[in-house]
Amino acid sequence: QVPLVESGGGLVQPGGSLRLSCAASGDVFSGFTMAWYRQAPGKQRELVATITNGGTTNYVTSVKGRFTISRDNAKNTVYLQMSSLKPDDTAVYYCNQYHPLIASLNYWGQGTQVTVSS
């Protein structure tokens, strides 16, 4: 089983919405705080949002009030509902376990491209 598979990205106009999904293997997902990250062209990968196993969420300032992270523990799946999208949200979005040092995460899925453009 592939550990992390992201989907749901696409091209959307400014102000639009998208819902990303990430199917994870049990050993990556179960009991762990999960996170969404993103990497824009020419920039470092950055944390977007986290969710604990119990459902407590946190967001970076730039997406607060616009993005919602959730998880389905029965399906080993984490979601990112994105609304009021801006061109600055354009990036490849990845899910993974949360780690304060992103470089410490050795495996990444293929990610899903989100492009916000008119």
C-alpha atoms as a PDB file:
ATOM      1  CA  GLN A   1       0.000   0.000   0.000  1.00  0.00           C
ATOM      2  CA  VAL A   2       1.283   3.420  -0.960  1.00  0.00           C
ATOM      3  CA  PRO A   3       1.673   5.360   2.298  1.00  0.00           C
ATOM      4  CA  LEU A   4       0.234   8.687   1.121  1.00  0.00           C
ATOM      5  CA  VAL A   5      -1.987   9.494  -1.855  1.00  0.00           C
ATOM      6  CA  GLU A   6      -3.248  13.042  -2.310  1.00  0.00           C
ATOM      7  CA  SER A   7      -6.064  14.020  -4.677  1.00  0.00           C
ATOM      8  CA  GLY A   8      -8.598  16.741  -5.414  1.00  0.00           C
ATOM      9  CA  GLY A   9      -6.450  19.529  -6.776  1.00  0.00           C
ATOM     10  CA  GLY A  10      -7.164  21.490  -9.923  1.00  0.00           C
ATOM     11  CA  LEU A  11      -7.546  24.885 -11.523  1.00  0.00           C
ATOM     12  CA  VAL A  12      -9.919  27.260  -9.774  1.00  0.00           C
ATOM     13  CA  GLN A  13     -10.708  30.955 -10.071  1.00  0.00           C
ATOM     14  CA  PRO A  14      -9.914  33.355  -7.233  1.00  0.00           C
ATOM     15  CA  GLY A  15     -12.624  33.114  -4.615  1.00  0.00           C
ATOM     16  CA  GLY A  16     -13.380  29.516  -5.500  1.00  0.00           C
ATOM     17  CA  SER A  17     -13.233  26.344  -3.444  1.00  0.00           C
ATOM     18  CA  LEU A  18     -11.588  22.939  -3.569  1.00  0.00           C
ATOM     19  CA  ARG A  19     -11.565  19.916  -1.299  1.00  0.00           C
ATOM     20  CA  LEU A  20      -8.372  17.912  -1.075  1.00  0.00           C
ATOM     21  CA  SER A  21      -8.205  14.338   0.169  1.00  0.00           C
ATOM     22  CA  CYS A  22      -5.315  12.240   1.390  1.00  0.00           C
ATOM     23  CA  ALA A  23      -5.546   8.495   1.808  1.00  0.00           C
ATOM     24  CA  ALA A  24      -2.857   7.231   4.136  1.00  0.00           C
ATOM     25  CA  SER A  25      -1.679   3.798   5.210  1.00  0.00           C
ATOM     26  CA  GLY A  26      -2.568   2.806   8.734  1.00  0.00           C
ATOM     27  CA  ASP A  27       0.969   2.886  10.055  1.00  0.00           C
ATOM     28  CA  VAL A  28       1.374   6.480   8.854  1.00  0.00           C
ATOM     29  CA  PHE A  29      -2.050   7.705   9.962  1.00  0.00           C
ATOM     30  CA  SER A  30      -3.296   5.909  13.046  1.00  0.00           C
ATOM     31  CA  GLY A  31      -2.816   7.850  16.249  1.00  0.00           C
ATOM     32  CA  PHE A  32      -0.664  10.546  14.669  1.00  0.00           C
ATOM     33  CA  THR A  33      -1.190  14.238  14.246  1.00  0.00           C
ATOM     34  CA  MET A  34      -1.584  14.729  10.517  1.00  0.00           C
ATOM     35  CA  ALA A  35      -0.873  17.827   8.483  1.00  0.00           C
ATOM     36  CA  TRP A  36      -1.231  19.463   5.123  1.00  0.00           C
ATOM     37  CA  TYR A  37       1.807  21.155   3.639  1.00  0.00           C
ATOM     38  CA  ARG A  38       2.294  23.067   0.407  1.00  0.00           C
ATOM     39  CA  GLN A  39       5.150  24.064  -1.842  1.00  0.00           C
ATOM     40  CA  ALA A  40       4.863  26.941  -4.265  1.00  0.00           C
ATOM     41  CA  PRO A  41       7.226  27.286  -7.233  1.00  0.00           C
ATOM     42  CA  GLY A  42      10.640  28.467  -6.094  1.00  0.00           C
ATOM     43  CA  LYS A  43       9.697  28.308  -2.402  1.00  0.00           C
ATOM     44  CA  GLN A  44      10.288  25.906   0.438  1.00  0.00           C
ATOM     45  CA  ARG A  45       7.639  23.480   1.553  1.00  0.00           C
ATOM     46  CA  GLU A  46       5.549  24.988   4.329  1.00  0.00           C
ATOM     47  CA  LEU A  47       3.050  23.820   6.893  1.00  0.00           C
ATOM     48  CA  VAL A  48      -0.580  24.764   6.237  1.00  0.00           C
ATOM     49  CA  ALA A  49      -2.701  23.022   8.865  1.00  0.00           C
ATOM     50  CA  THR A  50      -2.568  20.252  11.454  1.00  0.00           C
ATOM     51  CA  ILE A  51      -5.103  17.970  13.104  1.00  0.00           C
ATOM     52  CA  THR A  52      -4.529  15.724  16.100  1.00  0.00           C
ATOM     53  CA  ASN A  53      -5.929  12.223  16.380  1.00  0.00           C
ATOM     54  CA  GLY A  54      -8.653  13.693  18.583  1.00  0.00           C
ATOM     55  CA  GLY A  55      -9.566  16.403  16.109  1.00  0.00           C
ATOM     56  CA  THR A  56      -7.851  19.503  17.472  1.00  0.00           C
ATOM     57  CA  THR A  57      -6.861  21.748  14.582  1.00  0.00           C
ATOM     58  CA  ASN A  58      -4.355  24.505  13.943  1.00  0.00           C
ATOM     59  CA  TYR A  59      -3.746  26.703  10.921  1.00  0.00           C
ATOM     60  CA  VAL A  60      -1.106  29.063   9.681  1.00  0.00           C
ATOM     61  CA  THR A  61      -2.256  32.660   9.765  1.00  0.00           C
ATOM     62  CA  SER A  62      -2.517  32.993   5.997  1.00  0.00           C
ATOM     63  CA  VAL A  63      -5.258  30.343   5.717  1.00  0.00           C
ATOM     64  CA  LYS A  64      -7.192  30.846   8.971  1.00  0.00           C
ATOM     65  CA  GLY A  65     -10.877  31.289   8.326  1.00  0.00           C
ATOM     66  CA  ARG A  66     -10.562  30.006   4.750  1.00  0.00           C
ATOM     67  CA  PHE A  67      -9.275  26.435   5.090  1.00  0.00           C
ATOM     68  CA  THR A  68     -10.640  23.588   7.219  1.00  0.00           C
ATOM     69  CA  ILE A  69      -8.720  20.414   7.977  1.00  0.00           C
ATOM     70  CA  SER A  70     -10.571  17.279   9.021  1.00  0.00           C
ATOM     71  CA  ARG A  71      -9.955  13.555   9.282  1.00  0.00           C
ATOM     72  CA  ASP A  72     -11.848  10.293   9.115  1.00  0.00           C
ATOM     73  CA  ASN A  73     -10.033   7.863  11.375  1.00  0.00           C
ATOM     74  CA  ALA A  74     -12.065   4.914  10.115  1.00  0.00           C
ATOM     75  CA  LYS A  75     -10.869   5.583   6.571  1.00  0.00           C
ATOM     76  CA  ASN A  76      -7.306   6.710   7.366  1.00  0.00           C
ATOM     77  CA  THR A  77      -8.073   9.844   5.376  1.00  0.00           C
ATOM     78  CA  VAL A  78      -7.401  13.519   5.985  1.00  0.00           C
ATOM     79  CA  TYR A  79      -9.137  16.338   4.134  1.00  0.00           C
ATOM     80  CA  LEU A  80      -8.508  20.000   3.434  1.00  0.00           C
ATOM     81  CA  GLN A  81     -11.516  22.114   2.503  1.00  0.00           C
ATOM     82  CA  MET A  82     -10.274  25.309   0.911  1.00  0.00           C
ATOM     83  CA  SER A  83     -12.470  28.303   0.201  1.00  0.00           C
ATOM     84  CA  SER A  84     -11.966  31.949  -0.772  1.00  0.00           C
ATOM     85  CA  LEU A  85      -8.900  30.795  -2.648  1.00  0.00           C
ATOM     86  CA  LYS A  86      -6.282  33.341  -3.662  1.00  0.00           C
ATOM     87  CA  PRO A  87      -3.537  33.230  -6.295  1.00  0.00           C
ATOM     88  CA  ASP A  88      -1.010  32.987  -3.435  1.00  0.00           C
ATOM     89  CA  ASP A  89      -2.541  29.612  -2.540  1.00  0.00           C
ATOM     90  CA  THR A  90      -1.182  28.172  -5.787  1.00  0.00           C
ATOM     91  CA  ALA A  91       1.108  25.290  -4.860  1.00  0.00           C
ATOM     92  CA  VAL A  92       1.500  21.543  -4.762  1.00  0.00           C
ATOM     93  CA  TYR A  93      -0.276  20.325  -1.634  1.00  0.00           C
ATOM     94  CA  TYR A  94       0.967  17.349   0.351  1.00  0.00           C
ATOM     95  CA  CYS A  95      -0.239  15.534   3.428  1.00  0.00           C
ATOM     96  CA  ASN A  96       1.964  13.796   5.945  1.00  0.00           C
ATOM     97  CA  GLN A  97       2.431  13.291   9.628  1.00  0.00           C
ATOM     98  CA  TYR A  98       3.072  16.520  11.453  1.00  0.00           C
ATOM     99  CA  HIS A  99       6.700  17.188  12.351  1.00  0.00           C
ATOM    100  CA  PRO A 100       8.131  20.533  13.494  1.00  0.00           C
ATOM    101  CA  LEU A 101      11.111  19.947  11.194  1.00  0.00           C
ATOM    102  CA  ILE A 102       9.710  19.279   7.740  1.00  0.00           C
ATOM    103  CA  ALA A 103      13.101  18.051   6.561  1.00  0.00           C
ATOM    104  CA  SER A 104      12.835  15.179   9.030  1.00  0.00           C
ATOM    105  CA  LEU A 105       9.978  13.635   7.044  1.00  0.00           C
ATOM    106  CA  ASN A 106      11.629  11.179   4.686  1.00  0.00           C
ATOM    107  CA  TYR A 107       8.674  10.045   2.584  1.00  0.00           C
ATOM    108  CA  TRP A 108       6.253  12.163   0.613  1.00  0.00           C
ATOM    109  CA  GLY A 109       3.441  11.325  -1.725  1.00  0.00           C
ATOM    110  CA  GLN A 110       3.133  12.813  -5.189  1.00  0.00           C
ATOM    111  CA  GLY A 111       1.075  15.761  -3.964  1.00  0.00           C
ATOM    112  CA  THR A 112      -1.821  17.432  -5.751  1.00  0.00           C
ATOM    113  CA  GLN A 113      -1.508  20.648  -7.742  1.00  0.00           C
ATOM    114  CA  VAL A 114      -3.752  23.574  -6.834  1.00  0.00           C
ATOM    115  CA  THR A 115      -3.726  26.498  -9.244  1.00  0.00           C
ATOM    116  CA  VAL A 116      -5.714  29.629  -8.461  1.00  0.00           C
ATOM    117  CA  SER A 117      -5.966  31.825 -11.517  1.00  0.00           C
ATOM    118  CA  SER A 118      -8.500  33.739 -13.553  1.00  0.00           C
END
